[in-house]
N, C-alpha and C. Protein backbone atom coordinates (compact mmCIF):
# COMPACT_ATOMS: atom_id res chain seq x y z
N MET A 1 177.19 64.34 65.51
CA MET A 1 176.43 64.19 64.62
C MET A 1 176.00 65.37 63.87
N PRO A 2 176.14 65.64 62.49
CA PRO A 2 175.89 67.43 61.95
C PRO A 2 174.54 67.07 61.70
N ASP A 3 174.12 68.60 62.04
CA ASP A 3 172.51 68.91 61.66
C ASP A 3 172.01 67.65 61.44
N GLU A 4 171.49 66.90 63.05
CA GLU A 4 170.79 66.37 63.03
C GLU A 4 169.31 66.93 63.24
N LYS A 5 168.35 66.56 63.00
CA LYS A 5 167.07 67.15 62.98
C LYS A 5 166.28 66.24 63.99
N SER A 6 165.61 67.64 64.70
CA SER A 6 164.67 67.11 65.98
C SER A 6 163.81 66.21 65.34
N PHE A 7 163.01 65.18 66.23
CA PHE A 7 161.94 64.36 66.33
C PHE A 7 160.75 65.08 65.45
N GLU A 8 160.47 66.47 66.82
CA GLU A 8 159.60 67.30 65.98
C GLU A 8 159.17 67.79 64.85
N ALA A 9 161.00 68.46 64.47
CA ALA A 9 161.13 68.75 62.46
C ALA A 9 160.93 67.61 62.28
N LEU A 10 161.29 66.13 61.62
CA LEU A 10 161.50 65.45 61.57
C LEU A 10 159.50 64.82 61.42
N TYR A 11 158.98 64.82 62.52
CA TYR A 11 158.00 64.46 62.79
C TYR A 11 156.62 64.99 61.19
N GLY A 12 157.47 66.88 61.92
CA GLY A 12 156.64 67.49 60.53
C GLY A 12 156.69 67.26 59.45
N GLU A 13 157.31 67.21 59.27
CA GLU A 13 158.50 66.85 57.39
C GLU A 13 157.85 65.88 57.30
N MET A 14 157.15 64.60 57.74
CA MET A 14 156.45 63.79 57.35
C MET A 14 155.24 64.09 57.02
N GLU A 15 154.33 64.75 58.02
CA GLU A 15 153.14 64.97 57.82
C GLU A 15 153.33 65.90 56.80
N GLU A 16 153.65 66.79 56.52
CA GLU A 16 154.01 67.95 55.16
C GLU A 16 154.00 66.30 54.28
N ALA A 17 154.43 65.51 53.92
CA ALA A 17 154.27 64.67 53.08
C ALA A 17 153.42 63.96 52.66
N VAL A 18 152.73 63.55 53.73
CA VAL A 18 151.60 62.86 54.24
C VAL A 18 150.15 63.40 53.58
N ARG A 19 150.13 65.12 53.90
CA ARG A 19 150.02 65.98 53.28
C ARG A 19 149.68 65.99 51.81
N GLN A 20 150.70 65.97 51.07
CA GLN A 20 150.72 66.29 50.19
C GLN A 20 150.52 64.93 49.14
N LEU A 21 150.68 63.42 49.70
CA LEU A 21 150.52 62.28 49.35
C LEU A 21 149.25 62.30 48.78
N GLU A 22 147.98 62.70 50.00
CA GLU A 22 146.68 62.66 50.39
C GLU A 22 146.29 63.47 49.29
N ALA A 23 146.56 64.81 48.91
CA ALA A 23 145.81 65.55 47.63
C ALA A 23 145.86 65.07 46.67
N GLY A 24 146.50 63.86 46.08
CA GLY A 24 146.76 63.35 44.57
C GLY A 24 147.15 64.22 43.95
N ASP A 25 147.68 65.40 43.72
CA ASP A 25 148.26 66.24 42.86
C ASP A 25 150.13 65.73 42.20
N LEU A 26 150.31 64.73 43.07
CA LEU A 26 151.48 64.35 42.50
C LEU A 26 151.66 63.57 41.47
N SER A 27 152.51 63.42 40.46
CA SER A 27 152.86 62.41 39.15
C SER A 27 152.85 61.41 39.89
N LEU A 28 153.08 59.96 38.90
CA LEU A 28 153.73 58.77 39.73
C LEU A 28 155.25 58.92 40.07
N ALA A 29 155.52 59.47 39.55
CA ALA A 29 157.19 59.34 40.02
C ALA A 29 157.47 60.44 41.58
N GLU A 30 156.78 61.47 41.46
CA GLU A 30 156.61 62.02 42.55
C GLU A 30 156.20 61.56 43.71
N THR A 31 155.26 60.77 43.22
CA THR A 31 154.61 60.31 44.59
C THR A 31 155.59 58.74 45.00
N LEU A 32 156.06 58.03 44.34
CA LEU A 32 157.23 57.09 44.69
C LEU A 32 157.98 57.93 45.37
N ALA A 33 158.48 58.86 45.61
CA ALA A 33 160.06 59.59 45.97
C ALA A 33 159.33 60.42 47.17
N LEU A 34 157.98 60.55 47.26
CA LEU A 34 157.29 61.30 48.64
C LEU A 34 156.58 59.85 49.58
N PHE A 35 156.80 58.95 48.66
CA PHE A 35 156.66 58.14 49.80
C PHE A 35 157.32 57.28 50.50
N ALA A 36 158.75 56.89 49.49
CA ALA A 36 159.74 56.76 50.07
C ALA A 36 161.11 57.42 51.12
N ARG A 37 160.33 58.90 50.71
CA ARG A 37 161.10 60.18 52.01
C ARG A 37 160.26 59.73 53.23
N ALA A 38 158.30 59.93 53.31
CA ALA A 38 158.09 59.89 54.44
C ALA A 38 158.16 58.40 55.29
N THR A 39 158.48 57.48 54.05
CA THR A 39 158.72 56.49 54.80
C THR A 39 159.98 56.68 55.57
N ALA A 40 161.24 57.07 54.87
CA ALA A 40 162.40 57.28 55.77
C ALA A 40 162.36 57.77 56.92
N LEU A 41 161.60 59.07 57.13
CA LEU A 41 161.32 59.96 57.81
C LEU A 41 160.63 59.26 59.39
N ALA A 42 159.88 58.62 58.91
CA ALA A 42 158.80 57.36 59.83
C ALA A 42 160.34 56.75 60.46
N GLU A 43 160.59 56.09 59.89
CA GLU A 43 161.84 55.49 60.43
C GLU A 43 162.62 55.65 61.40
N GLN A 44 162.96 57.36 61.01
CA GLN A 44 163.80 57.97 61.52
C GLN A 44 163.05 58.44 62.92
N CYS A 45 161.58 59.02 63.04
CA CYS A 45 161.19 59.29 64.15
C CYS A 45 161.34 58.00 64.85
N ASN A 46 160.79 57.05 64.69
CA ASN A 46 160.79 55.62 65.28
C ASN A 46 162.16 55.43 66.13
N ALA A 47 163.00 55.75 65.39
CA ALA A 47 164.85 55.67 66.00
C ALA A 47 164.97 56.38 67.01
N LEU A 48 164.48 57.53 66.95
CA LEU A 48 164.27 58.83 68.31
C LEU A 48 163.72 58.22 69.25
N LEU A 49 162.48 57.75 69.07
CA LEU A 49 160.92 57.24 69.87
C LEU A 49 161.84 56.13 70.62
N ASP A 50 162.79 54.90 69.90
CA ASP A 50 163.34 53.95 70.80
C ASP A 50 164.39 54.93 71.71
N SER A 51 165.09 55.39 70.90
CA SER A 51 165.62 56.00 72.37
C SER A 51 165.68 56.67 73.23
N ALA A 52 164.46 57.47 73.11
CA ALA A 52 163.89 58.47 73.85
C ALA A 52 163.24 57.41 74.86
N GLU A 53 162.70 56.24 74.83
CA GLU A 53 162.32 54.96 75.43
C GLU A 53 163.31 54.95 76.20
N LEU A 54 164.14 54.03 75.84
CA LEU A 54 165.56 53.45 75.95
C LEU A 54 166.18 54.44 77.93
N ARG A 55 165.52 55.97 77.49
CA ARG A 55 166.37 56.77 78.59
C ARG A 55 164.73 56.40 79.58
N VAL A 56 163.93 56.31 79.46
CA VAL A 56 162.64 56.55 80.27
C VAL A 56 163.25 55.85 81.70
N ARG A 57 162.92 55.88 82.80
CA ARG A 57 162.75 55.32 83.97
C ARG A 57 161.50 55.54 85.27
N GLN A 58 161.22 54.90 85.52
CA GLN A 58 160.06 54.63 86.62
C GLN A 58 160.44 54.31 87.82
N LEU A 59 160.20 55.43 88.95
CA LEU A 59 160.52 55.49 90.35
C LEU A 59 159.19 54.31 90.85
N VAL A 60 159.65 53.16 91.18
CA VAL A 60 159.15 52.16 91.71
C VAL A 60 158.95 51.76 93.52
N ALA A 61 157.93 52.17 93.99
CA ALA A 61 158.29 52.02 95.81
C ALA A 61 158.60 50.24 95.80
N GLN A 62 159.43 50.61 96.90
CA GLN A 62 160.36 49.18 97.06
C GLN A 62 159.77 48.98 98.84
N PRO A 63 160.13 47.72 99.26
CA PRO A 63 159.05 47.16 100.41
C PRO A 63 160.14 48.15 101.52
N ASP A 64 160.84 48.94 101.37
CA ASP A 64 161.46 49.28 102.22
C ASP A 64 160.94 50.64 102.77
N GLY A 65 159.59 51.13 101.64
CA GLY A 65 159.60 52.40 101.68
C GLY A 65 160.23 53.33 100.85
N SER A 66 161.48 53.16 100.36
CA SER A 66 162.50 54.03 99.55
C SER A 66 161.83 53.97 97.72
N SER A 67 162.46 54.89 97.02
CA SER A 67 161.98 54.26 95.41
C SER A 67 163.39 53.79 94.57
N ALA A 68 162.99 53.21 93.78
CA ALA A 68 164.22 52.91 92.92
C ALA A 68 163.72 53.23 91.48
N ALA A 69 164.50 53.69 90.98
CA ALA A 69 164.29 53.92 89.19
C ALA A 69 164.75 52.33 88.43
N GLU A 70 163.56 51.95 88.05
CA GLU A 70 163.17 50.84 87.17
C GLU A 70 163.33 50.81 85.77
N PRO A 71 164.03 50.46 84.84
CA PRO A 71 163.88 50.80 83.59
C PRO A 71 162.49 50.42 82.85
N PHE A 72 161.53 51.26 81.98
CA PHE A 72 160.98 51.17 81.30
C PHE A 72 160.35 49.90 81.00
N GLU A 73 161.00 48.89 80.44
CA GLU A 73 160.63 47.75 79.75
C GLU A 73 160.01 46.88 81.17
N SER A 74 160.67 47.11 82.20
CA SER A 74 160.07 46.11 83.09
C SER A 74 159.07 46.29 83.83
N TRP A 75 158.21 47.96 83.55
CA TRP A 75 156.80 47.78 84.10
C TRP A 75 155.98 48.21 82.91
N GLN A 76 156.60 48.41 81.74
CA GLN A 76 155.32 48.13 80.97
C GLN A 76 154.95 46.71 80.49
N ASN A 77 155.46 45.87 79.84
CA ASN A 77 155.38 44.50 80.32
C ASN A 77 154.75 43.58 81.61
N GLY A 78 154.55 44.27 82.31
CA GLY A 78 154.20 43.93 83.79
C GLY A 78 153.16 44.02 83.45
């Protein structure tokens, strides 16, 4: 995946877009384009977070005293 940006870079770019939108100094066309860009950035950030969440595991104590890694979803929703 060439030139893939990190979550932090994407999030920073999204924050800057939001600042510009909140300032209200853009034309309607610029506002719409920037809003579309910010929405795309938010979707990319969410995809990266979803991917990271799938890799998260929690060590859970077992009845025999050992520990086992369980997927994030199994203890999050319990």
